[in-house]
């Protein structure tokens, strides 16, 4: 059984990994001058990227602290197979928009567009949209030398090793989010004891009490 202290541990460990990813991506961007198109949100709008529930744990913990867990749980349930609940489009075709939890986004989102995977021959290949891939291929061999490549597979191995039951399977973004929110909600009041059932703004919706096997 997963304890509340372990959920807290997972959140902190994942944030540490996310900071490492961000630094690697920053270095890669700096050396290649590659960047997404302004306001582009096509990868978010398509919702085809697979994400593990584990990657959403830091976000789920933060949403609980804000008293917004139930709000996003209900939103994700309505959009199970649709666009990510955190993507906010501002064009009718949904190709332009922004992420409303950018600093809390999963590892997959941080790496997509700037991460690399080894193919069956052991050669690194970019995990990018068509636009970024075409821009990357324009770089000269000299420009590609000694690049700090964000290694997608090695990052995912580290994440999965933290807790395989939540990290080894990828789902549609909203389904992964739902699972993470349910896991954090199960231990919310023991994870953050200063939020008791009476004082929490959504205590009636959460319904966490001793009868449910979770002490407040």
N, C-alpha and C. Protein backbone atom coordinates (compact mmCIF):
# COMPACT_ATOMS: atom_id res chain seq x y z
N UNK A 1 0.84 -1.20 0.00
CA UNK A 1 0.00 0.00 0.00
C UNK A 1 0.88 1.25 0.00
N UNK A 2 0.51 2.23 -0.78
CA UNK A 2 1.27 3.47 -0.87
C UNK A 2 0.88 4.39 0.28
N UNK A 3 1.87 4.90 1.01
CA UNK A 3 1.59 5.78 2.13
C UNK A 3 1.62 7.23 1.69
N UNK A 4 1.07 8.10 2.53
CA UNK A 4 1.05 9.53 2.21
C UNK A 4 2.46 10.09 2.16
N UNK A 5 3.33 9.61 3.06
CA UNK A 5 4.71 10.10 3.06
C UNK A 5 5.43 9.71 1.78
N UNK A 6 5.04 8.55 1.23
CA UNK A 6 5.65 8.11 -0.02
C UNK A 6 5.19 8.98 -1.18
N UNK A 7 3.93 9.40 -1.18
CA UNK A 7 3.43 10.31 -2.21
C UNK A 7 4.22 11.61 -2.16
N UNK A 8 4.47 12.10 -0.97
CA UNK A 8 5.25 13.32 -0.79
C UNK A 8 6.67 13.11 -1.31
N UNK A 9 7.25 11.95 -1.01
CA UNK A 9 8.59 11.61 -1.49
C UNK A 9 8.63 11.59 -3.02
N UNK A 10 7.63 10.95 -3.62
CA UNK A 10 7.57 10.88 -5.08
C UNK A 10 7.53 12.27 -5.71
N UNK A 11 6.71 13.13 -5.14
CA UNK A 11 6.57 14.48 -5.68
C UNK A 11 7.91 15.22 -5.65
N UNK A 12 8.62 15.12 -4.56
CA UNK A 12 9.91 15.82 -4.43
C UNK A 12 10.96 15.24 -5.38
N UNK A 13 10.99 13.90 -5.48
CA UNK A 13 11.95 13.26 -6.37
C UNK A 13 11.68 13.60 -7.83
N UNK A 14 10.42 13.63 -8.19
CA UNK A 14 10.06 13.95 -9.57
C UNK A 14 10.40 15.39 -9.90
N UNK A 15 10.16 16.30 -8.97
CA UNK A 15 10.51 17.70 -9.22
C UNK A 15 12.01 17.85 -9.45
N UNK A 16 12.81 17.08 -8.70
CA UNK A 16 14.26 17.13 -8.86
C UNK A 16 14.65 16.66 -10.27
N UNK A 17 14.00 15.60 -10.74
CA UNK A 17 14.27 15.11 -12.10
C UNK A 17 13.82 16.15 -13.13
N UNK A 18 12.68 16.79 -12.89
CA UNK A 18 12.17 17.79 -13.82
C UNK A 18 13.12 18.98 -13.94
N UNK A 19 13.74 19.34 -12.83
CA UNK A 19 14.70 20.45 -12.87
C UNK A 19 15.92 20.07 -13.72
N UNK A 20 16.34 18.82 -13.62
CA UNK A 20 17.46 18.34 -14.44
C UNK A 20 17.09 18.37 -15.92
N UNK A 21 15.86 17.93 -16.22
CA UNK A 21 15.40 17.95 -17.62
C UNK A 21 15.42 19.38 -18.15
N UNK A 22 14.87 20.30 -17.38
CA UNK A 22 14.79 21.70 -17.81
C UNK A 22 16.18 22.27 -18.10
N UNK A 23 17.16 21.90 -17.28
CA UNK A 23 18.51 22.41 -17.47
C UNK A 23 19.12 21.81 -18.75
N UNK A 24 18.91 20.52 -18.97
CA UNK A 24 19.42 19.88 -20.19
C UNK A 24 18.79 20.49 -21.44
N UNK A 25 17.48 20.71 -21.38
CA UNK A 25 16.77 21.29 -22.52
C UNK A 25 17.24 22.72 -22.75
N UNK A 26 17.47 23.46 -21.66
CA UNK A 26 17.96 24.84 -21.78
C UNK A 26 19.30 24.86 -22.50
N UNK A 27 20.19 23.95 -22.11
CA UNK A 27 21.51 23.89 -22.75
C UNK A 27 21.39 23.51 -24.22
N UNK A 28 20.50 22.58 -24.50
CA UNK A 28 20.29 22.14 -25.89
C UNK A 28 19.76 23.30 -26.74
N UNK A 29 18.80 24.02 -26.23
CA UNK A 29 18.24 25.16 -26.96
C UNK A 29 19.28 26.24 -27.19
N UNK A 30 20.09 26.46 -26.18
CA UNK A 30 21.11 27.50 -26.26
C UNK A 30 22.13 27.20 -27.34
N UNK A 31 22.50 25.92 -27.48
CA UNK A 31 23.52 25.54 -28.45
C UNK A 31 22.97 25.40 -29.87
N UNK A 32 21.69 25.08 -30.00
CA UNK A 32 21.11 24.86 -31.33
C UNK A 32 20.24 26.02 -31.82
N UNK A 33 19.80 26.86 -30.87
CA UNK A 33 18.88 27.96 -31.16
C UNK A 33 17.52 27.44 -31.65
N UNK A 34 17.21 26.17 -31.34
CA UNK A 34 15.91 25.61 -31.70
C UNK A 34 14.87 26.02 -30.67
N UNK A 35 13.67 26.29 -31.12
CA UNK A 35 12.58 26.61 -30.21
C UNK A 35 11.24 26.38 -30.92
N UNK A 36 10.22 26.18 -30.13
CA UNK A 36 8.89 25.97 -30.69
C UNK A 36 8.41 27.23 -31.40
N UNK A 37 7.47 27.06 -32.32
CA UNK A 37 6.86 28.22 -32.96
C UNK A 37 6.09 29.01 -31.90
N UNK A 38 6.05 30.29 -32.03
CA UNK A 38 5.40 31.14 -31.05
C UNK A 38 3.94 30.73 -30.83
N UNK A 39 3.59 30.53 -29.56
CA UNK A 39 2.22 30.18 -29.14
C UNK A 39 1.73 28.84 -29.67
N UNK A 40 2.63 28.02 -30.20
CA UNK A 40 2.20 26.74 -30.77
C UNK A 40 1.75 25.78 -29.67
N UNK A 41 0.61 25.13 -29.91
CA UNK A 41 0.10 24.16 -28.96
C UNK A 41 -0.43 22.92 -29.66
N UNK A 42 0.07 22.66 -30.84
CA UNK A 42 -0.46 21.54 -31.64
C UNK A 42 -0.29 20.19 -30.95
N UNK A 43 0.86 19.98 -30.32
CA UNK A 43 1.08 18.68 -29.66
C UNK A 43 0.11 18.52 -28.49
N UNK A 44 -0.22 19.63 -27.81
CA UNK A 44 -1.17 19.59 -26.69
C UNK A 44 -2.59 19.37 -27.20
N UNK A 45 -2.92 20.02 -28.31
CA UNK A 45 -4.27 19.93 -28.86
C UNK A 45 -4.58 18.53 -29.39
N UNK A 46 -3.58 17.88 -29.96
CA UNK A 46 -3.79 16.55 -30.52
C UNK A 46 -4.00 15.51 -29.42
N UNK A 47 -3.36 15.72 -28.27
CA UNK A 47 -3.55 14.81 -27.14
C UNK A 47 -3.12 13.38 -27.41
N UNK A 48 -2.17 13.20 -28.31
CA UNK A 48 -1.74 11.85 -28.67
C UNK A 48 -0.55 11.36 -27.84
N UNK A 49 0.07 12.25 -27.10
CA UNK A 49 1.25 11.89 -26.32
C UNK A 49 0.86 11.03 -25.12
N UNK A 50 1.56 9.91 -24.93
CA UNK A 50 1.29 9.06 -23.79
C UNK A 50 2.06 9.53 -22.56
N UNK A 51 1.38 9.62 -21.43
CA UNK A 51 1.99 10.09 -20.18
C UNK A 51 1.65 9.11 -19.07
N UNK A 52 2.59 8.84 -18.19
CA UNK A 52 2.31 7.95 -17.07
C UNK A 52 1.65 8.74 -15.94
N UNK A 53 0.77 8.11 -15.17
CA UNK A 53 0.15 8.79 -14.02
C UNK A 53 1.19 9.33 -13.03
N UNK A 54 2.31 8.61 -12.91
CA UNK A 54 3.35 9.03 -11.97
C UNK A 54 3.86 10.43 -12.28
N UNK A 55 3.96 10.76 -13.56
CA UNK A 55 4.47 12.08 -13.96
C UNK A 55 3.57 13.21 -13.52
N UNK A 56 2.30 12.91 -13.27
CA UNK A 56 1.34 13.93 -12.85
C UNK A 56 1.25 14.08 -11.32
N UNK A 57 1.98 13.26 -10.57
CA UNK A 57 1.88 13.32 -9.10
C UNK A 57 2.23 14.70 -8.54
N UNK A 58 3.34 15.33 -8.95
CA UNK A 58 3.64 16.67 -8.42
C UNK A 58 2.51 17.67 -8.70
N UNK A 59 1.94 17.59 -9.89
CA UNK A 59 0.83 18.47 -10.25
C UNK A 59 -0.38 18.19 -9.37
N UNK A 60 -0.69 16.91 -9.16
CA UNK A 60 -1.85 16.53 -8.35
C UNK A 60 -1.70 17.01 -6.91
N UNK A 61 -0.50 16.90 -6.37
CA UNK A 61 -0.24 17.37 -5.01
C UNK A 61 -0.45 18.88 -4.92
N UNK A 62 0.05 19.60 -5.92
CA UNK A 62 -0.10 21.06 -5.93
C UNK A 62 -1.57 21.46 -6.06
N UNK A 63 -2.32 20.75 -6.88
CA UNK A 63 -3.74 21.06 -7.05
C UNK A 63 -4.50 20.82 -5.75
N UNK A 64 -4.10 19.80 -5.00
CA UNK A 64 -4.74 19.59 -3.71
C UNK A 64 -4.46 20.76 -2.78
N UNK A 65 -3.22 21.20 -2.74
CA UNK A 65 -2.85 22.32 -1.87
C UNK A 65 -3.67 23.57 -2.20
N UNK A 66 -3.97 23.75 -3.49
CA UNK A 66 -4.73 24.93 -3.93
C UNK A 66 -6.23 24.76 -3.73
N UNK A 67 -6.67 23.56 -3.38
CA UNK A 67 -8.10 23.29 -3.26
C UNK A 67 -8.77 23.14 -4.61
N UNK A 68 -7.98 22.77 -5.65
CA UNK A 68 -8.51 22.66 -7.00
C UNK A 68 -8.52 21.22 -7.52
N UNK A 69 -8.25 20.26 -6.66
CA UNK A 69 -8.17 18.87 -7.11
C UNK A 69 -9.49 18.40 -7.72
N UNK A 70 -10.59 18.64 -7.02
CA UNK A 70 -11.89 18.17 -7.51
C UNK A 70 -12.28 18.86 -8.82
N UNK A 71 -11.95 20.12 -8.93
CA UNK A 71 -12.26 20.89 -10.15
C UNK A 71 -11.62 20.24 -11.37
N UNK A 72 -10.34 19.90 -11.25
CA UNK A 72 -9.65 19.31 -12.41
C UNK A 72 -9.97 17.84 -12.58
N UNK A 73 -10.35 17.18 -11.50
CA UNK A 73 -10.79 15.79 -11.62
C UNK A 73 -12.05 15.72 -12.48
N UNK A 74 -13.00 16.59 -12.19
CA UNK A 74 -14.25 16.60 -12.94
C UNK A 74 -14.01 17.02 -14.40
N UNK A 75 -13.11 17.97 -14.58
CA UNK A 75 -12.79 18.44 -15.93
C UNK A 75 -12.15 17.32 -16.75
N UNK A 76 -11.21 16.60 -16.15
CA UNK A 76 -10.53 15.51 -16.84
C UNK A 76 -11.50 14.36 -17.15
N UNK A 77 -12.44 14.10 -16.25
CA UNK A 77 -13.41 13.03 -16.49
C UNK A 77 -14.28 13.33 -17.71
N UNK A 78 -14.57 14.61 -17.92
CA UNK A 78 -15.39 15.01 -19.07
C UNK A 78 -14.61 14.94 -20.36
N UNK A 79 -13.27 15.01 -20.25
CA UNK A 79 -12.42 15.06 -21.44
C UNK A 79 -11.53 13.82 -21.57
N UNK A 80 -11.91 12.71 -21.03
CA UNK A 80 -11.03 11.56 -20.91
C UNK A 80 -10.13 11.32 -22.12
N UNK A 81 -10.71 11.36 -23.30
CA UNK A 81 -9.93 11.10 -24.51
C UNK A 81 -9.75 12.36 -25.36
N UNK A 82 -10.01 13.51 -24.76
CA UNK A 82 -9.88 14.77 -25.49
C UNK A 82 -8.57 15.47 -25.21
N UNK A 83 -8.54 16.77 -25.48
CA UNK A 83 -7.32 17.53 -25.27
C UNK A 83 -7.01 17.63 -23.78
N UNK A 84 -5.75 17.84 -23.45
CA UNK A 84 -5.32 17.92 -22.06
C UNK A 84 -6.13 18.98 -21.30
N UNK A 85 -6.50 18.66 -20.09
CA UNK A 85 -7.31 19.57 -19.26
C UNK A 85 -6.60 20.88 -18.94
N UNK A 86 -5.29 20.90 -19.10
CA UNK A 86 -4.53 22.10 -18.76
C UNK A 86 -4.20 22.97 -19.98
N UNK A 87 -4.56 22.47 -21.15
CA UNK A 87 -4.28 23.25 -22.36
C UNK A 87 -5.40 24.27 -22.58
N UNK A 88 -4.98 25.53 -22.78
CA UNK A 88 -5.94 26.62 -22.99
C UNK A 88 -5.74 27.18 -24.39
N UNK A 89 -6.56 26.75 -25.36
CA UNK A 89 -6.41 27.25 -26.73
C UNK A 89 -7.06 28.63 -26.88
N UNK A 90 -6.52 29.43 -27.79
CA UNK A 90 -7.18 30.71 -28.06
C UNK A 90 -7.35 30.96 -29.55
N UNK A 91 -7.35 29.88 -30.33
CA UNK A 91 -7.75 29.94 -31.73
C UNK A 91 -8.76 28.83 -31.98
N UNK A 92 -9.63 29.01 -32.94
CA UNK A 92 -10.69 28.03 -33.19
C UNK A 92 -10.15 26.65 -33.58
N UNK A 93 -9.03 26.63 -34.28
CA UNK A 93 -8.46 25.33 -34.67
C UNK A 93 -7.64 24.71 -33.54
N UNK A 94 -7.53 25.43 -32.42
CA UNK A 94 -6.84 24.97 -31.21
C UNK A 94 -5.33 24.77 -31.39
N UNK A 95 -4.79 25.27 -32.48
CA UNK A 95 -3.36 25.09 -32.72
C UNK A 95 -2.49 26.07 -31.94
N UNK A 96 -3.12 27.12 -31.45
CA UNK A 96 -2.38 28.09 -30.63
C UNK A 96 -3.02 28.17 -29.25
N UNK A 97 -2.16 28.20 -28.25
CA UNK A 97 -2.66 28.24 -26.88
C UNK A 97 -1.50 28.14 -25.91
N UNK A 98 -1.82 27.81 -24.66
CA UNK A 98 -0.76 27.71 -23.65
C UNK A 98 -1.14 26.68 -22.59
N UNK A 99 -0.13 26.25 -21.84
CA UNK A 99 -0.32 25.29 -20.74
C UNK A 99 -0.54 26.07 -19.45
N UNK A 100 -1.63 25.80 -18.78
CA UNK A 100 -1.96 26.55 -17.56
C UNK A 100 -1.20 26.07 -16.32
N UNK A 101 -0.48 24.95 -16.45
CA UNK A 101 0.34 24.46 -15.32
C UNK A 101 1.76 24.20 -15.83
N UNK A 102 2.27 25.13 -16.61
CA UNK A 102 3.55 24.91 -17.31
C UNK A 102 4.66 24.45 -16.37
N UNK A 103 4.82 25.07 -15.21
CA UNK A 103 5.91 24.70 -14.30
C UNK A 103 5.68 23.36 -13.62
N UNK A 104 4.44 22.82 -13.73
CA UNK A 104 4.11 21.53 -13.12
C UNK A 104 3.97 20.42 -14.17
N UNK A 105 4.19 20.72 -15.42
CA UNK A 105 3.93 19.76 -16.49
C UNK A 105 4.79 18.50 -16.35
N UNK A 106 4.31 17.38 -16.86
CA UNK A 106 5.03 16.10 -16.76
C UNK A 106 6.35 16.08 -17.52
N UNK A 107 7.15 15.06 -17.24
CA UNK A 107 8.45 14.91 -17.91
C UNK A 107 8.28 14.77 -19.41
N UNK A 108 7.28 14.02 -19.84
CA UNK A 108 7.05 13.80 -21.27
C UNK A 108 6.85 15.13 -22.00
N UNK A 109 6.10 16.04 -21.38
CA UNK A 109 5.86 17.36 -21.99
C UNK A 109 7.14 18.18 -22.04
N UNK A 110 7.97 18.05 -21.00
CA UNK A 110 9.22 18.80 -20.95
C UNK A 110 10.20 18.32 -22.03
N UNK A 111 10.16 17.02 -22.31
CA UNK A 111 11.11 16.44 -23.25
C UNK A 111 10.64 16.49 -24.70
N UNK A 112 9.33 16.48 -24.89
CA UNK A 112 8.83 16.41 -26.27
C UNK A 112 9.26 17.65 -27.06
N UNK A 113 9.90 17.39 -28.17
CA UNK A 113 10.40 18.49 -28.99
C UNK A 113 11.89 18.69 -28.83
N UNK A 114 12.45 18.21 -27.69
CA UNK A 114 13.87 18.43 -27.44
C UNK A 114 14.57 17.20 -26.87
N UNK A 115 13.83 16.09 -26.77
CA UNK A 115 14.42 14.86 -26.26
C UNK A 115 14.89 13.95 -27.39
N UNK A 116 15.70 12.96 -27.02
CA UNK A 116 16.25 12.02 -27.99
C UNK A 116 16.15 10.59 -27.47
N UNK A 117 15.89 9.67 -28.41
CA UNK A 117 15.85 8.24 -28.10
C UNK A 117 16.84 7.51 -29.00
N UNK A 118 17.41 6.42 -28.47
CA UNK A 118 18.29 5.61 -29.30
C UNK A 118 17.45 4.63 -30.13
N UNK A 119 17.78 4.53 -31.42
CA UNK A 119 17.09 3.56 -32.27
C UNK A 119 17.74 2.18 -32.09
N UNK A 120 17.29 1.21 -32.87
CA UNK A 120 17.79 -0.16 -32.70
C UNK A 120 19.28 -0.30 -33.04
N UNK A 121 19.83 0.73 -33.70
CA UNK A 121 21.25 0.71 -34.03
C UNK A 121 22.08 1.48 -33.00
N UNK A 122 21.42 1.98 -31.97
CA UNK A 122 22.13 2.71 -30.94
C UNK A 122 22.41 4.15 -31.28
N UNK A 123 21.73 4.65 -32.32
CA UNK A 123 21.92 6.04 -32.76
C UNK A 123 20.77 6.89 -32.21
N UNK A 124 21.12 8.05 -31.66
CA UNK A 124 20.11 8.94 -31.11
C UNK A 124 19.26 9.56 -32.22
N UNK A 125 17.95 9.52 -32.03
CA UNK A 125 17.02 10.16 -32.95
C UNK A 125 16.14 11.13 -32.17
N UNK A 126 15.81 12.28 -32.77
CA UNK A 126 15.01 13.28 -32.07
C UNK A 126 13.55 12.86 -31.87
N UNK A 127 13.02 13.18 -30.71
CA UNK A 127 11.59 12.98 -30.43
C UNK A 127 10.95 14.37 -30.56
N UNK A 128 10.55 14.70 -31.79
CA UNK A 128 10.12 16.05 -32.09
C UNK A 128 8.92 16.06 -33.04
N UNK A 129 8.26 17.20 -33.07
CA UNK A 129 7.22 17.41 -34.08
C UNK A 129 7.90 17.60 -35.42
N UNK A 130 7.14 17.59 -36.49
CA UNK A 130 7.72 17.72 -37.83
C UNK A 130 8.48 19.03 -38.00
N UNK A 131 7.93 20.11 -37.41
CA UNK A 131 8.58 21.42 -37.57
C UNK A 131 9.96 21.42 -36.93
N UNK A 132 10.05 21.00 -35.67
CA UNK A 132 11.33 21.03 -34.97
C UNK A 132 12.32 20.03 -35.57
N UNK A 133 11.80 18.90 -36.03
CA UNK A 133 12.68 17.91 -36.63
C UNK A 133 13.31 18.47 -37.91
N UNK A 134 12.51 19.17 -38.70
CA UNK A 134 13.04 19.76 -39.94
C UNK A 134 14.09 20.82 -39.62
N UNK A 135 13.87 21.58 -38.55
CA UNK A 135 14.83 22.61 -38.14
C UNK A 135 16.12 21.97 -37.62
N UNK A 136 15.97 20.88 -36.89
CA UNK A 136 17.15 20.18 -36.36
C UNK A 136 17.99 19.60 -37.48
N UNK A 137 17.34 19.05 -38.50
CA UNK A 137 18.06 18.43 -39.61
C UNK A 137 18.81 19.46 -40.45
N UNK A 138 18.45 20.73 -40.30
CA UNK A 138 19.16 21.79 -41.04
C UNK A 138 20.52 22.11 -40.42
N UNK A 139 20.73 21.67 -39.18
CA UNK A 139 22.00 21.95 -38.51
C UNK A 139 23.13 21.19 -39.19
N UNK A 140 24.27 21.81 -39.25
CA UNK A 140 25.43 21.17 -39.86
C UNK A 140 26.00 20.12 -38.91
N UNK A 141 26.77 19.17 -39.44
CA UNK A 141 27.41 18.17 -38.58
C UNK A 141 28.23 18.81 -37.46
N UNK A 142 28.87 19.92 -37.77
CA UNK A 142 29.68 20.62 -36.77
C UNK A 142 28.80 21.16 -35.65
N UNK A 143 27.64 21.70 -36.03
CA UNK A 143 26.72 22.25 -35.03
C UNK A 143 26.13 21.15 -34.13
N UNK A 144 26.08 19.94 -34.65
CA UNK A 144 25.52 18.82 -33.90
C UNK A 144 26.53 18.13 -32.99
N UNK A 145 27.80 18.51 -33.13
CA UNK A 145 28.85 17.88 -32.32
C UNK A 145 28.73 18.29 -30.85
N UNK A 146 28.91 17.31 -29.98
CA UNK A 146 28.96 17.54 -28.53
C UNK A 146 27.71 18.23 -27.98
N UNK A 147 26.58 17.97 -28.59
CA UNK A 147 25.34 18.56 -28.07
C UNK A 147 24.91 17.85 -26.78
N UNK A 148 24.41 18.59 -25.80
CA UNK A 148 23.90 17.98 -24.57
C UNK A 148 22.50 17.41 -24.84
N UNK A 149 22.43 16.18 -25.33
CA UNK A 149 21.15 15.60 -25.74
C UNK A 149 20.32 15.14 -24.53
N UNK A 150 19.14 15.69 -24.35
CA UNK A 150 18.24 15.21 -23.30
C UNK A 150 17.78 13.79 -23.64
N UNK A 151 18.23 12.80 -22.88
CA UNK A 151 17.98 11.39 -23.17
C UNK A 151 16.63 10.96 -22.61
N UNK A 152 15.66 10.78 -23.50
CA UNK A 152 14.29 10.44 -23.10
C UNK A 152 14.25 9.12 -22.34
N UNK A 153 14.89 8.09 -22.87
CA UNK A 153 14.80 6.76 -22.26
C UNK A 153 15.42 6.71 -20.87
N UNK A 154 16.57 7.34 -20.70
CA UNK A 154 17.22 7.28 -19.38
C UNK A 154 16.40 8.02 -18.32
N UNK A 155 15.76 9.11 -18.74
CA UNK A 155 14.90 9.85 -17.81
C UNK A 155 13.71 8.99 -17.40
N UNK A 156 13.09 8.34 -18.37
CA UNK A 156 11.92 7.53 -18.08
C UNK A 156 12.24 6.32 -17.21
N UNK A 157 13.42 5.74 -17.40
CA UNK A 157 13.85 4.63 -16.54
C UNK A 157 13.95 5.10 -15.09
N UNK A 158 14.51 6.27 -14.88
CA UNK A 158 14.61 6.82 -13.52
C UNK A 158 13.25 7.06 -12.91
N UNK A 159 12.34 7.61 -13.71
CA UNK A 159 10.99 7.90 -13.21
C UNK A 159 10.24 6.61 -12.88
N UNK A 160 10.27 5.67 -13.78
CA UNK A 160 9.57 4.40 -13.55
C UNK A 160 10.10 3.69 -12.30
N UNK A 161 11.42 3.77 -12.10
CA UNK A 161 12.03 3.08 -10.95
C UNK A 161 11.55 3.62 -9.61
N UNK A 162 11.05 4.85 -9.60
CA UNK A 162 10.54 5.43 -8.36
C UNK A 162 9.31 4.68 -7.86
N UNK A 163 8.43 4.30 -8.80
CA UNK A 163 7.23 3.55 -8.43
C UNK A 163 6.60 2.94 -9.68
N UNK A 164 7.06 1.74 -10.09
CA UNK A 164 6.59 1.11 -11.33
C UNK A 164 5.08 1.00 -11.50
N UNK A 165 4.29 0.72 -10.44
CA UNK A 165 2.84 0.60 -10.66
C UNK A 165 2.20 1.84 -11.28
N UNK A 166 2.77 3.01 -11.01
CA UNK A 166 2.22 4.24 -11.58
C UNK A 166 3.03 4.76 -12.76
N UNK A 167 4.25 4.27 -12.89
CA UNK A 167 5.13 4.84 -13.90
C UNK A 167 5.35 4.02 -15.15
N UNK A 168 5.02 2.73 -15.11
CA UNK A 168 5.37 1.86 -16.22
C UNK A 168 4.36 1.84 -17.37
N UNK A 169 3.20 2.42 -17.15
CA UNK A 169 2.18 2.42 -18.20
C UNK A 169 1.82 3.85 -18.59
N UNK A 170 1.79 4.12 -19.90
CA UNK A 170 1.40 5.45 -20.35
C UNK A 170 -0.06 5.45 -20.81
N UNK A 171 -0.71 6.57 -20.56
CA UNK A 171 -2.13 6.73 -20.90
C UNK A 171 -2.34 8.06 -21.62
N UNK A 172 -3.54 8.26 -22.12
CA UNK A 172 -3.91 9.58 -22.64
C UNK A 172 -3.75 10.58 -21.49
N UNK A 173 -3.35 11.83 -21.79
CA UNK A 173 -3.09 12.80 -20.73
C UNK A 173 -4.15 12.89 -19.65
N UNK A 174 -5.42 12.98 -20.03
CA UNK A 174 -6.47 13.13 -19.02
C UNK A 174 -6.67 11.87 -18.19
N UNK A 175 -6.50 10.72 -18.78
CA UNK A 175 -6.62 9.47 -18.03
C UNK A 175 -5.48 9.33 -17.02
N UNK A 176 -4.29 9.75 -17.43
CA UNK A 176 -3.14 9.73 -16.52
C UNK A 176 -3.37 10.70 -15.37
N UNK A 177 -3.90 11.87 -15.69
CA UNK A 177 -4.19 12.88 -14.67
C UNK A 177 -5.23 12.36 -13.67
N UNK A 178 -6.28 11.74 -14.16
CA UNK A 178 -7.33 11.19 -13.30
C UNK A 178 -6.74 10.21 -12.29
N UNK A 179 -5.89 9.32 -12.77
CA UNK A 179 -5.27 8.32 -11.89
C UNK A 179 -4.42 8.98 -10.81
N UNK A 180 -3.63 9.99 -11.21
CA UNK A 180 -2.78 10.70 -10.25
C UNK A 180 -3.61 11.45 -9.21
N UNK A 181 -4.68 12.09 -9.66
CA UNK A 181 -5.54 12.83 -8.74
C UNK A 181 -6.22 11.89 -7.75
N UNK A 182 -6.65 10.74 -8.22
CA UNK A 182 -7.28 9.76 -7.33
C UNK A 182 -6.30 9.25 -6.29
N UNK A 183 -5.05 9.04 -6.70
CA UNK A 183 -4.04 8.55 -5.77
C UNK A 183 -3.74 9.59 -4.70
N UNK A 184 -3.57 10.84 -5.09
CA UNK A 184 -3.28 11.89 -4.11
C UNK A 184 -4.49 12.14 -3.22
N UNK A 185 -5.69 12.12 -3.80
CA UNK A 185 -6.89 12.34 -3.00
C UNK A 185 -7.05 11.27 -1.92
N UNK A 186 -6.64 10.06 -2.21
CA UNK A 186 -6.76 8.96 -1.25
C UNK A 186 -5.97 9.23 0.03
N UNK A 187 -4.90 10.02 -0.10
CA UNK A 187 -4.05 10.26 1.05
C UNK A 187 -3.93 11.74 1.40
N UNK A 188 -4.84 12.55 0.87
CA UNK A 188 -4.72 14.00 0.99
C UNK A 188 -4.66 14.51 2.41
N UNK A 189 -5.47 14.00 3.29
CA UNK A 189 -5.54 14.60 4.63
C UNK A 189 -4.45 14.11 5.56
N UNK A 190 -3.85 12.97 5.26
CA UNK A 190 -2.70 12.55 6.05
C UNK A 190 -1.41 13.11 5.45
N UNK A 191 -1.44 13.39 4.14
CA UNK A 191 -0.29 14.00 3.49
C UNK A 191 -0.11 15.44 3.93
N UNK A 192 -1.23 16.16 4.08
CA UNK A 192 -1.20 17.55 4.54
C UNK A 192 -2.13 17.68 5.74
N UNK A 193 -1.67 17.27 6.94
CA UNK A 193 -2.55 17.22 8.11
C UNK A 193 -3.19 18.53 8.50
N UNK A 194 -2.63 19.68 8.09
CA UNK A 194 -3.24 20.96 8.46
C UNK A 194 -4.51 21.22 7.66
N UNK A 195 -4.74 20.42 6.60
CA UNK A 195 -6.00 20.51 5.86
C UNK A 195 -6.94 19.45 6.44
N UNK A 196 -7.78 19.82 7.37
CA UNK A 196 -8.69 18.83 7.93
C UNK A 196 -10.02 18.86 7.17
N UNK A 197 -10.88 17.91 7.46
CA UNK A 197 -12.13 17.77 6.71
C UNK A 197 -13.03 18.99 6.82
N UNK A 198 -12.99 19.66 7.96
CA UNK A 198 -13.89 20.79 8.16
C UNK A 198 -13.37 22.06 7.51
N UNK A 199 -12.03 22.23 7.52
CA UNK A 199 -11.49 23.50 7.03
C UNK A 199 -11.22 23.50 5.53
N UNK A 200 -11.06 22.31 4.92
CA UNK A 200 -10.76 22.29 3.50
C UNK A 200 -11.97 22.76 2.68
N UNK A 201 -11.75 23.64 1.72
CA UNK A 201 -12.86 24.21 0.94
C UNK A 201 -13.70 23.17 0.20
N UNK A 202 -13.12 22.01 -0.09
CA UNK A 202 -13.86 21.00 -0.83
C UNK A 202 -14.07 19.72 0.00
N UNK A 203 -14.12 19.87 1.31
CA UNK A 203 -14.14 18.68 2.15
C UNK A 203 -15.34 17.78 1.88
N UNK A 204 -16.50 18.36 1.52
CA UNK A 204 -17.67 17.53 1.28
C UNK A 204 -17.51 16.69 0.03
N UNK A 205 -16.81 17.24 -0.97
CA UNK A 205 -16.60 16.52 -2.21
C UNK A 205 -15.57 15.41 -2.03
N UNK A 206 -14.54 15.69 -1.20
CA UNK A 206 -13.50 14.70 -1.02
C UNK A 206 -14.00 13.53 -0.18
N UNK A 207 -14.74 13.85 0.89
CA UNK A 207 -15.32 12.80 1.71
C UNK A 207 -14.29 11.90 2.36
N UNK A 208 -13.11 12.44 2.69
CA UNK A 208 -12.09 11.64 3.32
C UNK A 208 -12.32 11.63 4.82
N UNK A 209 -12.55 10.49 5.40
CA UNK A 209 -12.72 10.37 6.84
C UNK A 209 -12.35 8.98 7.29
N UNK A 210 -12.45 8.74 8.58
CA UNK A 210 -12.02 7.47 9.13
C UNK A 210 -12.87 6.31 8.62
N UNK A 211 -14.11 6.58 8.25
CA UNK A 211 -14.96 5.53 7.73
C UNK A 211 -14.44 5.00 6.40
N UNK A 212 -13.72 5.89 5.65
CA UNK A 212 -13.18 5.49 4.37
C UNK A 212 -11.79 4.85 4.53
N UNK A 213 -11.32 4.78 5.78
CA UNK A 213 -10.01 4.19 6.02
C UNK A 213 -8.89 5.18 5.95
N UNK A 214 -9.21 6.47 5.86
CA UNK A 214 -8.19 7.52 5.82
C UNK A 214 -8.47 8.48 6.95
N UNK A 215 -7.53 8.59 7.85
CA UNK A 215 -7.73 9.47 9.00
C UNK A 215 -7.39 10.91 8.64
N UNK A 216 -8.25 11.83 9.06
CA UNK A 216 -8.00 13.23 8.78
C UNK A 216 -7.07 13.85 9.79
